[in-house]
Amino acid sequence: MVDVLSGGRLEFGVGSGYLKHEFSSFGVDFAEKYERFDEALEIIRMA
């Protein structure tokens, strides 16, 4: 649907974040960043 609505012009970018306060604000341990990013990216790919 997004492809049709955007005329094929959608660009989707992702990033894992790199500042500790970005994670602590949500109560997430910074050490889990890579594992969480990989899991979220896989879920997005399957969607």
N, C-alpha and C. Protein backbone atom coordinates (compact mmCIF):
# COMPACT_ATOMS: atom_id res chain seq x y z
N MET A 1 0.82 -1.18 0.00
CA MET A 1 0.00 0.00 0.00
C MET A 1 0.87 1.25 0.00
N VAL A 2 1.89 1.27 0.83
CA VAL A 2 2.77 2.44 0.88
C VAL A 2 3.45 2.65 -0.46
N ASP A 3 3.84 1.56 -1.12
CA ASP A 3 4.48 1.66 -2.43
C ASP A 3 3.55 2.35 -3.43
N VAL A 4 2.30 1.97 -3.42
CA VAL A 4 1.33 2.57 -4.34
C VAL A 4 1.09 4.03 -3.98
N LEU A 5 0.88 4.31 -2.72
CA LEU A 5 0.61 5.69 -2.29
C LEU A 5 1.78 6.64 -2.55
N SER A 6 3.00 6.12 -2.43
CA SER A 6 4.18 6.97 -2.61
C SER A 6 4.71 6.95 -4.04
N GLY A 7 4.08 6.17 -4.89
CA GLY A 7 4.59 6.06 -6.26
C GLY A 7 5.95 5.38 -6.31
N GLY A 8 6.20 4.48 -5.36
CA GLY A 8 7.48 3.76 -5.33
C GLY A 8 8.64 4.58 -4.79
N ARG A 9 8.35 5.67 -4.09
CA ARG A 9 9.41 6.57 -3.63
C ARG A 9 9.71 6.48 -2.14
N LEU A 10 9.20 5.48 -1.46
CA LEU A 10 9.44 5.38 -0.02
C LEU A 10 10.86 4.90 0.24
N GLU A 11 11.54 5.59 1.12
CA GLU A 11 12.85 5.15 1.60
C GLU A 11 12.71 4.93 3.10
N PHE A 12 13.17 3.78 3.56
CA PHE A 12 13.04 3.41 4.96
C PHE A 12 14.42 3.21 5.54
N GLY A 13 14.77 4.00 6.52
CA GLY A 13 16.09 3.89 7.14
C GLY A 13 15.95 3.50 8.61
N VAL A 14 16.90 2.77 9.11
CA VAL A 14 16.90 2.35 10.50
C VAL A 14 18.27 2.60 11.12
N GLY A 15 18.31 2.73 12.41
CA GLY A 15 19.56 2.89 13.13
C GLY A 15 19.41 2.35 14.54
N SER A 16 20.49 1.95 15.12
CA SER A 16 20.42 1.32 16.45
C SER A 16 20.55 2.33 17.60
N GLY A 17 20.92 3.54 17.30
CA GLY A 17 21.17 4.50 18.37
C GLY A 17 22.55 4.28 18.96
N TYR A 18 23.13 5.31 19.54
CA TYR A 18 24.49 5.14 20.06
C TYR A 18 24.74 5.91 21.36
N LEU A 19 23.76 6.65 21.82
CA LEU A 19 23.93 7.40 23.06
C LEU A 19 23.22 6.67 24.21
N LYS A 20 23.93 6.51 25.32
CA LYS A 20 23.37 5.76 26.45
C LYS A 20 22.08 6.37 26.97
N HIS A 21 21.96 7.70 26.96
CA HIS A 21 20.73 8.30 27.49
C HIS A 21 19.52 8.00 26.61
N GLU A 22 19.75 7.67 25.33
CA GLU A 22 18.63 7.28 24.46
C GLU A 22 18.00 5.97 24.94
N PHE A 23 18.80 5.12 25.54
CA PHE A 23 18.32 3.83 26.03
C PHE A 23 17.80 3.95 27.45
N SER A 24 18.52 4.67 28.30
CA SER A 24 18.10 4.78 29.70
C SER A 24 16.77 5.50 29.85
N SER A 25 16.44 6.37 28.92
CA SER A 25 15.15 7.07 28.95
C SER A 25 13.98 6.08 28.87
N PHE A 26 14.22 4.94 28.22
CA PHE A 26 13.18 3.92 28.07
C PHE A 26 13.39 2.73 28.98
N GLY A 27 14.37 2.81 29.88
CA GLY A 27 14.64 1.72 30.80
C GLY A 27 15.25 0.50 30.13
N VAL A 28 16.00 0.72 29.05
CA VAL A 28 16.62 -0.36 28.29
C VAL A 28 18.11 -0.36 28.55
N ASP A 29 18.65 -1.55 28.84
CA ASP A 29 20.08 -1.69 29.08
C ASP A 29 20.86 -1.47 27.77
N PHE A 30 21.81 -0.56 27.79
CA PHE A 30 22.60 -0.23 26.61
C PHE A 30 23.31 -1.46 26.03
N ALA A 31 23.67 -2.41 26.89
CA ALA A 31 24.38 -3.61 26.45
C ALA A 31 23.52 -4.50 25.55
N GLU A 32 22.21 -4.30 25.58
CA GLU A 32 21.29 -5.11 24.77
C GLU A 32 21.05 -4.52 23.38
N LYS A 33 21.71 -3.42 23.07
CA LYS A 33 21.37 -2.68 21.86
C LYS A 33 21.49 -3.50 20.58
N TYR A 34 22.54 -4.26 20.41
CA TYR A 34 22.72 -5.02 19.17
C TYR A 34 21.70 -6.14 19.05
N GLU A 35 21.46 -6.84 20.14
CA GLU A 35 20.48 -7.93 20.14
C GLU A 35 19.08 -7.40 19.83
N ARG A 36 18.71 -6.30 20.46
CA ARG A 36 17.39 -5.70 20.23
C ARG A 36 17.26 -5.19 18.80
N PHE A 37 18.30 -4.56 18.28
CA PHE A 37 18.26 -4.04 16.92
C PHE A 37 18.09 -5.17 15.92
N ASP A 38 18.87 -6.23 16.07
CA ASP A 38 18.78 -7.37 15.16
C ASP A 38 17.39 -8.00 15.19
N GLU A 39 16.83 -8.12 16.38
CA GLU A 39 15.49 -8.71 16.51
C GLU A 39 14.44 -7.81 15.84
N ALA A 40 14.51 -6.52 16.09
CA ALA A 40 13.54 -5.60 15.51
C ALA A 40 13.65 -5.56 13.99
N LEU A 41 14.86 -5.56 13.47
CA LEU A 41 15.07 -5.54 12.02
C LEU A 41 14.53 -6.80 11.37
N GLU A 42 14.70 -7.94 12.01
CA GLU A 42 14.16 -9.19 11.48
C GLU A 42 12.63 -9.15 11.44
N ILE A 43 12.03 -8.59 12.47
CA ILE A 43 10.56 -8.47 12.50
C ILE A 43 10.08 -7.58 11.37
N ILE A 44 10.78 -6.48 11.13
CA ILE A 44 10.42 -5.57 10.04
C ILE A 44 10.57 -6.26 8.69
N ARG A 45 11.63 -7.02 8.52
CA ARG A 45 11.84 -7.75 7.25
C ARG A 45 10.74 -8.76 7.00
N MET A 46 10.29 -9.44 8.05
CA MET A 46 9.24 -10.43 7.88
C MET A 46 7.89 -9.78 7.56
N ALA A 47 7.71 -8.55 8.02
CA ALA A 47 6.44 -7.85 7.75
C ALA A 47 6.35 -7.52 6.29
